[in-house]
C-alpha atoms as a PDB file:
ATOM      1  CA  MET A   1     -15.624  34.865 -17.784  1.00  0.00           C
ATOM      2  CA  ASP A   2     -12.723  35.292 -20.240  1.00  0.00           C
ATOM      3  CA  VAL A   3     -11.890  32.755 -22.923  1.00  0.00           C
ATOM      4  CA  ARG A   4      -9.239  31.105 -20.746  1.00  0.00           C
ATOM      5  CA  GLY A   5     -11.727  30.475 -17.963  1.00  0.00           C
ATOM      6  CA  PHE A   6     -14.163  29.060 -20.503  1.00  0.00           C
ATOM      7  CA  HIS A   7     -11.582  26.590 -21.792  1.00  0.00           C
ATOM      8  CA  VAL A   8     -10.641  25.537 -18.262  1.00  0.00           C
ATOM      9  CA  GLU A   9     -14.276  24.791 -17.397  1.00  0.00           C
ATOM     10  CA  ARG A  10     -14.700  22.907 -20.652  1.00  0.00           C
ATOM     11  CA  TYR A  11     -11.597  20.867 -19.856  1.00  0.00           C
ATOM     12  CA  GLU A  12     -12.992  20.021 -16.396  1.00  0.00           C
ATOM     13  CA  THR A  13     -16.300  18.938 -17.928  1.00  0.00           C
ATOM     14  CA  ASP A  14     -14.644  16.818 -20.596  1.00  0.00           C
ATOM     15  CA  ARG A  15     -12.360  15.044 -18.111  1.00  0.00           C
ATOM     16  CA  ARG A  16     -15.241  14.205 -15.790  1.00  0.00           C
ATOM     17  CA  ALA A  17     -17.248  12.977 -18.775  1.00  0.00           C
ATOM     18  CA  GLU A  18     -14.394  10.526 -19.368  1.00  0.00           C
ATOM     19  CA  SER A  19     -15.079   9.157 -15.849  1.00  0.00           C
ATOM     20  CA  LYS A  20     -11.789  10.441 -14.478  1.00  0.00           C
ATOM     21  CA  ALA A  21     -11.652  10.486 -10.677  1.00  0.00           C
ATOM     22  CA  PRO A  22     -11.819  13.889  -8.949  1.00  0.00           C
ATOM     23  CA  ALA A  23      -8.326  13.339  -7.550  1.00  0.00           C
ATOM     24  CA  THR A  24      -6.934  12.738 -11.053  1.00  0.00           C
ATOM     25  CA  VAL A  25      -8.560  15.870 -12.480  1.00  0.00           C
ATOM     26  CA  ASN A  26      -7.455  17.884  -9.458  1.00  0.00           C
ATOM     27  CA  ARG A  27      -3.803  16.962 -10.020  1.00  0.00           C
ATOM     28  CA  GLU A  28      -4.108  18.159 -13.620  1.00  0.00           C
ATOM     29  CA  LEU A  29      -5.904  21.357 -12.624  1.00  0.00           C
ATOM     30  CA  ALA A  30      -3.323  22.065  -9.938  1.00  0.00           C
ATOM     31  CA  ALA A  31      -0.560  21.820 -12.540  1.00  0.00           C
ATOM     32  CA  LEU A  32      -2.507  24.101 -14.850  1.00  0.00           C
ATOM     33  CA  ARG A  33      -3.078  26.627 -12.066  1.00  0.00           C
ATOM     34  CA  ARG A  34       0.615  26.598 -11.262  1.00  0.00           C
ATOM     35  CA  ALA A  35       1.453  27.225 -14.930  1.00  0.00           C
ATOM     36  CA  PHE A  36      -0.873  30.234 -15.045  1.00  0.00           C
ATOM     37  CA  LYS A  37       0.618  31.576 -11.818  1.00  0.00           C
ATOM     38  CA  LEU A  38       4.145  31.334 -13.210  1.00  0.00           C
ATOM     39  CA  ALA A  39       3.059  33.091 -16.397  1.00  0.00           C
ATOM     40  CA  VAL A  40       1.672  35.993 -14.347  1.00  0.00           C
ATOM     41  CA  GLU A  41       4.789  36.154 -12.172  1.00  0.00           C
ATOM     42  CA  GLN A  42       6.950  36.316 -15.308  1.00  0.00           C
ATOM     43  CA  GLU A  43       4.617  38.999 -16.750  1.00  0.00           C
ATOM     44  CA  ARG A  44       3.689  36.852 -19.725  1.00  0.00           C
ATOM     45  CA  LEU A  45       0.047  37.247 -18.633  1.00  0.00           C
ATOM     46  CA  THR A  46      -1.610  40.002 -16.644  1.00  0.00           C
ATOM     47  CA  THR A  47      -4.319  37.851 -15.062  1.00  0.00           C
ATOM     48  CA  MET A  48      -5.168  34.203 -14.573  1.00  0.00           C
ATOM     49  CA  PRO A  49      -8.538  32.435 -14.539  1.00  0.00           C
ATOM     50  CA  THR A  50     -10.032  31.095 -11.334  1.00  0.00           C
ATOM     51  CA  ILE A  51      -9.440  27.354 -11.176  1.00  0.00           C
ATOM     52  CA  LYS A  52     -11.375  25.529  -8.489  1.00  0.00           C
ATOM     53  CA  LEU A  53     -10.632  21.957  -7.515  1.00  0.00           C
ATOM     54  CA  PHE A  54     -13.213  19.234  -7.048  1.00  0.00           C
ATOM     55  CA  PRO A  55     -13.931  17.921  -3.544  1.00  0.00           C
ATOM     56  CA  GLU A  56     -12.150  14.632  -2.969  1.00  0.00           C
ATOM     57  CA  ASP A  57     -13.210  11.615  -0.990  1.00  0.00           C
ATOM     58  CA  ASN A  58     -10.661   9.133  -2.233  1.00  0.00           C
ATOM     59  CA  VAL A  59      -9.390   7.562   0.981  1.00  0.00           C
ATOM     60  CA  ARG A  60      -9.776   3.832   0.393  1.00  0.00           C
ATOM     61  CA  GLU A  61     -10.087   1.256   3.103  1.00  0.00           C
ATOM     62  CA  GLY A  62      -9.334  -1.786   0.998  1.00  0.00           C
ATOM     63  CA  PHE A  63      -7.178  -4.573   2.358  1.00  0.00           C
ATOM     64  CA  VAL A  64      -6.902  -8.336   2.142  1.00  0.00           C
ATOM     65  CA  ALA A  65      -6.590 -10.802   5.013  1.00  0.00           C
ATOM     66  CA  PRO A  66      -3.730 -13.352   4.899  1.00  0.00           C
ATOM     67  CA  ALA A  67      -6.002 -16.311   4.143  1.00  0.00           C
ATOM     68  CA  ASP A  68      -7.758 -14.491   1.296  1.00  0.00           C
ATOM     69  CA  PHE A  69      -4.392 -13.310   0.032  1.00  0.00           C
ATOM     70  CA  GLU A  70      -3.239 -16.906  -0.387  1.00  0.00           C
ATOM     71  CA  THR A  71      -6.357 -17.651  -2.414  1.00  0.00           C
ATOM     72  CA  LEU A  72      -5.651 -14.627  -4.613  1.00  0.00           C
ATOM     73  CA  VAL A  73      -2.032 -15.622  -5.228  1.00  0.00           C
ATOM     74  CA  GLY A  74      -3.166 -19.074  -6.307  1.00  0.00           C
ATOM     75  CA  LYS A  75      -5.288 -17.485  -9.044  1.00  0.00           C
ATOM     76  CA  LEU A  76      -2.508 -15.283 -10.419  1.00  0.00           C
ATOM     77  CA  PRO A  77      -0.227 -16.275 -13.316  1.00  0.00           C
ATOM     78  CA  ASP A  78       3.227 -17.446 -12.246  1.00  0.00           C
ATOM     79  CA  TYR A  79       5.039 -14.249 -13.212  1.00  0.00           C
ATOM     80  CA  LEU A  80       2.898 -12.191 -10.804  1.00  0.00           C
ATOM     81  CA  ARG A  81       2.977 -14.398  -7.726  1.00  0.00           C
ATOM     82  CA  ASP A  82       6.318 -13.403  -6.232  1.00  0.00           C
ATOM     83  CA  VAL A  83       5.936  -9.688  -6.922  1.00  0.00           C
ATOM     84  CA  THR A  84       2.520  -9.841  -5.257  1.00  0.00           C
ATOM     85  CA  ARG A  85       3.938 -11.628  -2.212  1.00  0.00           C
ATOM     86  CA  PHE A  86       6.749  -9.087  -1.944  1.00  0.00           C
ATOM     87  CA  ALA A  87       4.197  -6.261  -1.976  1.00  0.00           C
ATOM     88  CA  PHE A  88       2.087  -7.937   0.726  1.00  0.00           C
ATOM     89  CA  LEU A  89       5.093  -8.529   2.997  1.00  0.00           C
ATOM     90  CA  THR A  90       6.728  -5.116   2.604  1.00  0.00           C
ATOM     91  CA  GLY A  91       4.109  -2.599   1.492  1.00  0.00           C
ATOM     92  CA  TRP A  92       6.310  -1.478  -1.403  1.00  0.00           C
ATOM     93  CA  ARG A  93       4.582   0.264  -4.287  1.00  0.00           C
ATOM     94  CA  LYS A  94       4.054  -1.380  -7.673  1.00  0.00           C
ATOM     95  CA  GLY A  95       6.405   1.028  -9.468  1.00  0.00           C
ATOM     96  CA  GLU A  96       9.134   0.388  -6.912  1.00  0.00           C
ATOM     97  CA  LEU A  97       8.873  -3.358  -7.461  1.00  0.00           C
ATOM     98  CA  GLN A  98       8.741  -3.144 -11.249  1.00  0.00           C
ATOM     99  CA  THR A  99      12.107  -1.353 -11.327  1.00  0.00           C
ATOM    100  CA  LEU A 100      13.888  -3.560  -8.788  1.00  0.00           C
ATOM    101  CA  ALA A 101      17.038  -4.942 -10.425  1.00  0.00           C
ATOM    102  CA  TRP A 102      19.568  -7.556  -9.404  1.00  0.00           C
ATOM    103  CA  ALA A 103      22.088  -4.731  -9.140  1.00  0.00           C
ATOM    104  CA  ASP A 104      20.023  -3.589  -6.151  1.00  0.00           C
ATOM    105  CA  VAL A 105      20.219  -6.969  -4.402  1.00  0.00           C
ATOM    106  CA  ASP A 106      23.094  -7.897  -2.101  1.00  0.00           C
ATOM    107  CA  ARG A 107      22.645 -11.651  -1.818  1.00  0.00           C
ATOM    108  CA  GLU A 108      25.729 -12.129   0.338  1.00  0.00           C
ATOM    109  CA  GLY A 109      24.670  -9.363   2.717  1.00  0.00           C
ATOM    110  CA  ALA A 110      21.021 -10.461   2.498  1.00  0.00           C
ATOM    111  CA  ALA A 111      19.612  -7.020   1.701  1.00  0.00           C
ATOM    112  CA  VAL A 112      17.772  -5.138  -1.035  1.00  0.00           C
ATOM    113  CA  THR A 113      18.287  -1.441  -1.686  1.00  0.00           C
ATOM    114  CA  LEU A 114      15.576   0.657  -3.317  1.00  0.00           C
ATOM    115  CA  ARG A 115      17.377   3.467  -5.086  1.00  0.00           C
ATOM    116  CA  ALA A 116      16.229   7.038  -4.475  1.00  0.00           C
ATOM    117  CA  GLU A 117      15.324   7.560  -8.137  1.00  0.00           C
ATOM    118  CA  HIS A 118      12.901   4.636  -7.954  1.00  0.00           C
ATOM    119  CA  SER A 119      11.401   5.549  -4.573  1.00  0.00           C
ATOM    120  CA  LYS A 120       8.227   7.631  -4.649  1.00  0.00           C
ATOM    121  CA  ASN A 121       9.279   9.628  -1.584  1.00  0.00           C
ATOM    122  CA  GLY A 122      12.700  10.268  -3.118  1.00  0.00           C
ATOM    123  CA  GLU A 123      14.579   8.487  -0.351  1.00  0.00           C
ATOM    124  CA  PRO A 124      16.484   5.191  -0.662  1.00  0.00           C
ATOM    125  CA  ARG A 125      15.434   2.235   1.481  1.00  0.00           C
ATOM    126  CA  VAL A 126      17.404  -0.794   2.603  1.00  0.00           C
ATOM    127  CA  LEU A 127      15.405  -3.935   3.274  1.00  0.00           C
ATOM    128  CA  PRO A 128      17.030  -6.900   5.065  1.00  0.00           C
ATOM    129  CA  LEU A 129      16.118 -10.245   3.553  1.00  0.00           C
ATOM    130  CA  VAL A 130      14.796 -12.519   6.286  1.00  0.00           C
ATOM    131  CA  GLY A 131      12.438 -15.480   6.383  1.00  0.00           C
ATOM    132  CA  ASP A 132       9.912 -15.569   3.551  1.00  0.00           C
ATOM    133  CA  LEU A 133      11.546 -12.588   1.847  1.00  0.00           C
ATOM    134  CA  ALA A 134      14.869 -14.407   1.675  1.00  0.00           C
ATOM    135  CA  ASP A 135      13.128 -17.466   0.233  1.00  0.00           C
ATOM    136  CA  LEU A 136      11.314 -15.295  -2.297  1.00  0.00           C
ATOM    137  CA  ILE A 137      14.518 -13.673  -3.542  1.00  0.00           C
ATOM    138  CA  GLY A 138      16.053 -17.142  -3.772  1.00  0.00           C
ATOM    139  CA  ARG A 139      13.220 -18.204  -6.083  1.00  0.00           C
ATOM    140  CA  ARG A 140      13.667 -15.091  -8.184  1.00  0.00           C
ATOM    141  CA  TRP A 141      17.395 -15.774  -8.496  1.00  0.00           C
ATOM    142  CA  ALA A 142      16.620 -19.227  -9.822  1.00  0.00           C
ATOM    143  CA  ALA A 143      14.070 -17.729 -12.238  1.00  0.00           C
ATOM    144  CA  ARG A 144      16.394 -15.087 -13.698  1.00  0.00           C
ATOM    145  CA  GLU A 145      17.335 -17.317 -16.657  1.00  0.00           C
ATOM    146  CA  VAL A 146      15.273 -16.636 -19.754  1.00  0.00           C
ATOM    147  CA  ARG A 147      15.343 -18.907 -22.799  1.00  0.00           C
ATOM    148  CA  GLY A 148      14.939 -17.221 -26.168  1.00  0.00           C
ATOM    149  CA  PRO A 149      13.045 -18.559 -29.199  1.00  0.00           C
ATOM    150  CA  LYS A 150      16.188 -20.208 -30.599  1.00  0.00           C
ATOM    151  CA  GLY A 151      17.172 -21.766 -27.300  1.00  0.00           C
ATOM    152  CA  ALA A 152      19.633 -19.062 -26.306  1.00  0.00           C
ATOM    153  CA  VAL A 153      19.725 -18.394 -22.566  1.00  0.00           C
ATOM    154  CA  ALA A 154      19.913 -14.868 -21.162  1.00  0.00           C
ATOM    155  CA  LEU A 155      19.797 -13.520 -17.626  1.00  0.00           C
ATOM    156  CA  SER A 156      17.138 -11.011 -16.665  1.00  0.00           C
ATOM    157  CA  SER A 157      18.471  -7.855 -15.024  1.00  0.00           C
ATOM    158  CA  LEU A 158      15.144  -7.409 -13.236  1.00  0.00           C
ATOM    159  CA  VAL A 159      14.127  -9.275 -10.104  1.00  0.00           C
ATOM    160  CA  PHE A 160      10.486  -9.407 -11.196  1.00  0.00           C
ATOM    161  CA  HIS A 161       9.996  -9.942 -14.902  1.00  0.00           C
ATOM    162  CA  ARG A 162       7.862 -11.630 -17.526  1.00  0.00           C
ATOM    163  CA  ALA A 163      10.036 -13.693 -19.840  1.00  0.00           C
ATOM    164  CA  GLY A 164      12.856 -11.226 -19.264  1.00  0.00           C
ATOM    165  CA  GLU A 165      10.749  -8.129 -19.913  1.00  0.00           C
ATOM    166  CA  PRO A 166       9.404  -5.700 -17.285  1.00  0.00           C
ATOM    167  CA  VAL A 167       6.176  -6.888 -15.676  1.00  0.00           C
ATOM    168  CA  GLY A 168       4.367  -3.860 -17.136  1.00  0.00           C
ATOM    169  CA  ASP A 169       0.593  -3.487 -17.146  1.00  0.00           C
ATOM    170  CA  PHE A 170      -1.120  -6.495 -15.571  1.00  0.00           C
ATOM    171  CA  ARG A 171      -4.572  -5.077 -14.880  1.00  0.00           C
ATOM    172  CA  LYS A 172      -6.390  -7.767 -16.860  1.00  0.00           C
ATOM    173  CA  ALA A 173      -4.600 -10.621 -15.068  1.00  0.00           C
ATOM    174  CA  TRP A 174      -5.280  -8.909 -11.727  1.00  0.00           C
ATOM    175  CA  ARG A 175      -8.994  -8.483 -12.477  1.00  0.00           C
ATOM    176  CA  ASN A 176      -9.314 -12.145 -13.461  1.00  0.00           C
ATOM    177  CA  ALA A 177      -7.529 -13.318 -10.315  1.00  0.00           C
ATOM    178  CA  ARG A 178      -9.476 -11.177  -7.886  1.00  0.00           C
ATOM    179  CA  LYS A 179     -12.731 -12.275  -9.542  1.00  0.00           C
ATOM    180  CA  ALA A 180     -11.765 -15.930  -9.240  1.00  0.00           C
ATOM    181  CA  ALA A 181     -10.748 -15.364  -5.603  1.00  0.00           C
ATOM    182  CA  LYS A 182     -14.053 -13.572  -4.903  1.00  0.00           C
ATOM    183  CA  LEU A 183     -12.287 -10.343  -3.941  1.00  0.00           C
ATOM    184  CA  PRO A 184     -14.095  -7.780  -6.116  1.00  0.00           C
ATOM    185  CA  GLY A 185     -12.647  -4.290  -6.169  1.00  0.00           C
ATOM    186  CA  LEU A 186      -9.315  -5.262  -4.616  1.00  0.00           C
ATOM    187  CA  LEU A 187      -6.466  -3.147  -5.998  1.00  0.00           C
ATOM    188  CA  PHE A 188      -2.803  -4.027  -6.112  1.00  0.00           C
ATOM    189  CA  HIS A 189      -2.210  -0.900  -4.028  1.00  0.00           C
ATOM    190  CA  ASP A 190      -4.453  -2.416  -1.338  1.00  0.00           C
ATOM    191  CA  LEU A 191      -1.568  -4.790  -0.621  1.00  0.00           C
ATOM    192  CA  ARG A 192       0.283  -1.755   0.724  1.00  0.00           C
ATOM    193  CA  ARG A 193      -2.568  -1.048   3.125  1.00  0.00           C
ATOM    194  CA  SER A 194      -2.647  -4.708   4.051  1.00  0.00           C
ATOM    195  CA  ALA A 195       1.066  -4.726   4.856  1.00  0.00           C
ATOM    196  CA  VAL A 196       0.623  -1.724   7.136  1.00  0.00           C
ATOM    197  CA  ARG A 197      -2.292  -3.408   8.879  1.00  0.00           C
ATOM    198  CA  GLU A 198      -0.418  -6.663   9.426  1.00  0.00           C
ATOM    199  CA  MET A 199       2.659  -4.866  10.799  1.00  0.00           C
ATOM    200  CA  ASP A 200       0.473  -2.888  13.153  1.00  0.00           C
ATOM    201  CA  LYS A 201      -1.293  -6.059  14.337  1.00  0.00           C
ATOM    202  CA  ALA A 202       2.084  -7.721  14.872  1.00  0.00           C
ATOM    203  CA  GLY A 203       3.121  -4.872  17.179  1.00  0.00           C
ATOM    204  CA  VAL A 204       5.834  -3.448  14.918  1.00  0.00           C
ATOM    205  CA  LYS A 205       6.788   0.074  15.988  1.00  0.00           C
ATOM    206  CA  GLN A 206       5.435   2.735  13.661  1.00  0.00           C
ATOM    207  CA  THR A 207       8.841   4.310  13.050  1.00  0.00           C
ATOM    208  CA  VAL A 208      10.338   0.956  12.094  1.00  0.00           C
ATOM    209  CA  ALA A 209       7.405  -0.047   9.882  1.00  0.00           C
ATOM    210  CA  MET A 210       7.560   3.300   8.080  1.00  0.00           C
ATOM    211  CA  ARG A 211      11.167   2.530   7.143  1.00  0.00           C
ATOM    212  CA  VAL A 212       9.982  -0.713   5.554  1.00  0.00           C
ATOM    213  CA  THR A 213       7.048   0.705   3.606  1.00  0.00           C
ATOM    214  CA  GLY A 214       8.550   4.084   2.744  1.00  0.00           C
ATOM    215  CA  HIS A 215       5.832   6.209   4.326  1.00  0.00           C
ATOM    216  CA  LYS A 216       7.391   9.609   4.822  1.00  0.00           C
ATOM    217  CA  THR A 217       4.974  11.123   7.339  1.00  0.00           C
ATOM    218  CA  PRO A 218       3.010   9.679  10.278  1.00  0.00           C
ATOM    219  CA  SER A 219      -0.187  11.193   8.856  1.00  0.00           C
ATOM    220  CA  MET A 220       0.101   9.104   5.682  1.00  0.00           C
ATOM    221  CA  TRP A 221       0.866   6.022   7.767  1.00  0.00           C
ATOM    222  CA  ARG A 222      -2.274   6.558   9.833  1.00  0.00           C
ATOM    223  CA  ARG A 223      -4.358   6.713   6.655  1.00  0.00           C
ATOM    224  CA  TYR A 224      -3.207   3.169   5.903  1.00  0.00           C
ATOM    225  CA  ARG A 225      -3.843   1.753   9.382  1.00  0.00           C
ATOM    226  CA  ILE A 226      -7.082  -0.012   8.530  1.00  0.00           C
ATOM    227  CA  THR A 227      -9.111  -1.408  11.386  1.00  0.00           C
ATOM    228  CA  SER A 228     -11.534  -4.146  10.388  1.00  0.00           C
ATOM    229  CA  THR A 229     -14.904  -4.897  11.955  1.00  0.00           C
ATOM    230  CA  ASP A 230     -13.465  -8.147  13.352  1.00  0.00           C
ATOM    231  CA  GLU A 231     -10.727  -6.210  15.124  1.00  0.00           C
ATOM    232  CA  VAL A 232     -13.287  -3.824  16.611  1.00  0.00           C
ATOM    233  CA  ARG A 233     -15.386  -6.800  17.728  1.00  0.00           C
ATOM    234  CA  ASP A 234     -12.338  -8.431  19.344  1.00  0.00           C
ATOM    235  CA  ALA A 235     -11.411  -5.156  21.049  1.00  0.00           C
ATOM    236  CA  LEU A 236     -14.900  -4.790  22.519  1.00  0.00           C
ATOM    237  CA  ALA A 237     -14.908  -8.395  23.703  1.00  0.00           C
ATOM    238  CA  GLN A 238     -11.465  -7.998  25.311  1.00  0.00           C
ATOM    239  CA  THR A 239     -12.556  -4.796  27.022  1.00  0.00           C
ATOM    240  CA  GLN A 240     -15.712  -6.365  28.386  1.00  0.00           C
ATOM    241  CA  THR A 241     -13.751  -9.377  29.624  1.00  0.00           C
ATOM    242  CA  ALA A 242     -11.329  -7.045  31.417  1.00  0.00           C
ATOM    243  CA  ILE A 243     -14.206  -5.105  32.978  1.00  0.00           C
ATOM    244  CA  ARG A 244     -15.881  -8.291  34.197  1.00  0.00           C
ATOM    245  CA  ALA A 245     -12.581  -9.478  35.689  1.00  0.00           C
ATOM    246  CA  GLN A 246     -12.216  -6.222  37.614  1.00  0.00           C
ATOM    247  CA  GLN A 247     -15.828  -6.413  38.805  1.00  0.00           C
ATOM    248  CA  GLU A 248     -15.351 -10.014  39.927  1.00  0.00           C
ATOM    249  CA  GLN A 249     -12.177  -9.049  41.755  1.00  0.00           C
ATOM    250  CA  ALA A 250     -14.014  -6.205  43.496  1.00  0.00           C
ATOM    251  CA  ARG A 251     -16.827  -8.555  44.533  1.00  0.00           C
ATOM    252  CA  ASN A 252     -14.322 -11.031  45.957  1.00  0.00           C
ATOM    253  CA  VAL A 253     -12.689  -8.280  47.985  1.00  0.00           C
ATOM    254  CA  VAL A 254     -16.059  -7.194  49.390  1.00  0.00           C
ATOM    255  CA  GLU A 255     -17.014 -10.771  50.269  1.00  0.00           C
ATOM    256  CA  LEU A 256     -13.679 -11.372  51.972  1.00  0.00           C
ATOM    257  CA  ARG A 257     -14.074  -8.150  53.954  1.00  0.00           C
ATOM    258  CA  ARG A 258     -17.583  -9.130  55.008  1.00  0.00           C
ATOM    259  CA  ALA A 259     -16.414 -12.569  55.983  1.00  0.00           C
ATOM    260  CA  ALA A 260     -13.604 -11.076  58.057  1.00  0.00           C
ATOM    261  CA  GLU A 261     -15.982  -8.655  59.781  1.00  0.00           C
ATOM    262  CA  GLY A 262     -18.456 -11.493  60.500  1.00  0.00           C
ATOM    263  CA  HIS A 263     -15.660 -13.584  61.972  1.00  0.00           C
ATOM    264  CA  LYS A 264     -14.674 -10.745  64.315  1.00  0.00           C
ATOM    265  CA  ALA A 265     -18.278 -10.327  65.433  1.00  0.00           C
END
């Protein structure tokens, strides 16, 4: 092993010792491998070390049911409640919500536009404001005024803000709320999975729902279609009920046929 390979292995060991997830380290190693490859292609290096990625098993199945979600929201500080509701209703990512500005909201046309530069998939999205979403944006409009320390009033340019500033890092507040709501391990990103699940349960077409959430490929959408044990139980019960109904119908037909044949005799 050359000195470069030694340093790569040491880097891998150090990152794992810091309790970094395999997926996180893999993204860093992939960037490093790409850099080495470019250096070889440009003849800055003659060889590159072998960089192997860690096996990943990072597909989460976390989600929150509507009733539990309401409990969670009640435990959150005020400045996080609406942004959390928006995420649960739409499946938008945290970064997309943190950058949403009033310049992106057409109140007269009742629509919100996520600009391409703020969308993770690089594509803009237009979201009509209906029902609870319209009410939510109405609340945010009323909450855009921010009073300064000397009583001066300013208007926040962001839809979701904390005293006029970006929402920023709220991991501590989230941990406290999920603990109080008895939802250990729930991530903010699990709201995205929950939104997908609720749309699927409501019978929303996949292509339409993907336009709401911003999933670019059907394969990524399917990863988020979480099926709970209760849903499996309901499906089995419905299937068995349907089978029994068919069996009962068949028995009735046989009995009617026998009765008809006995009448002829």
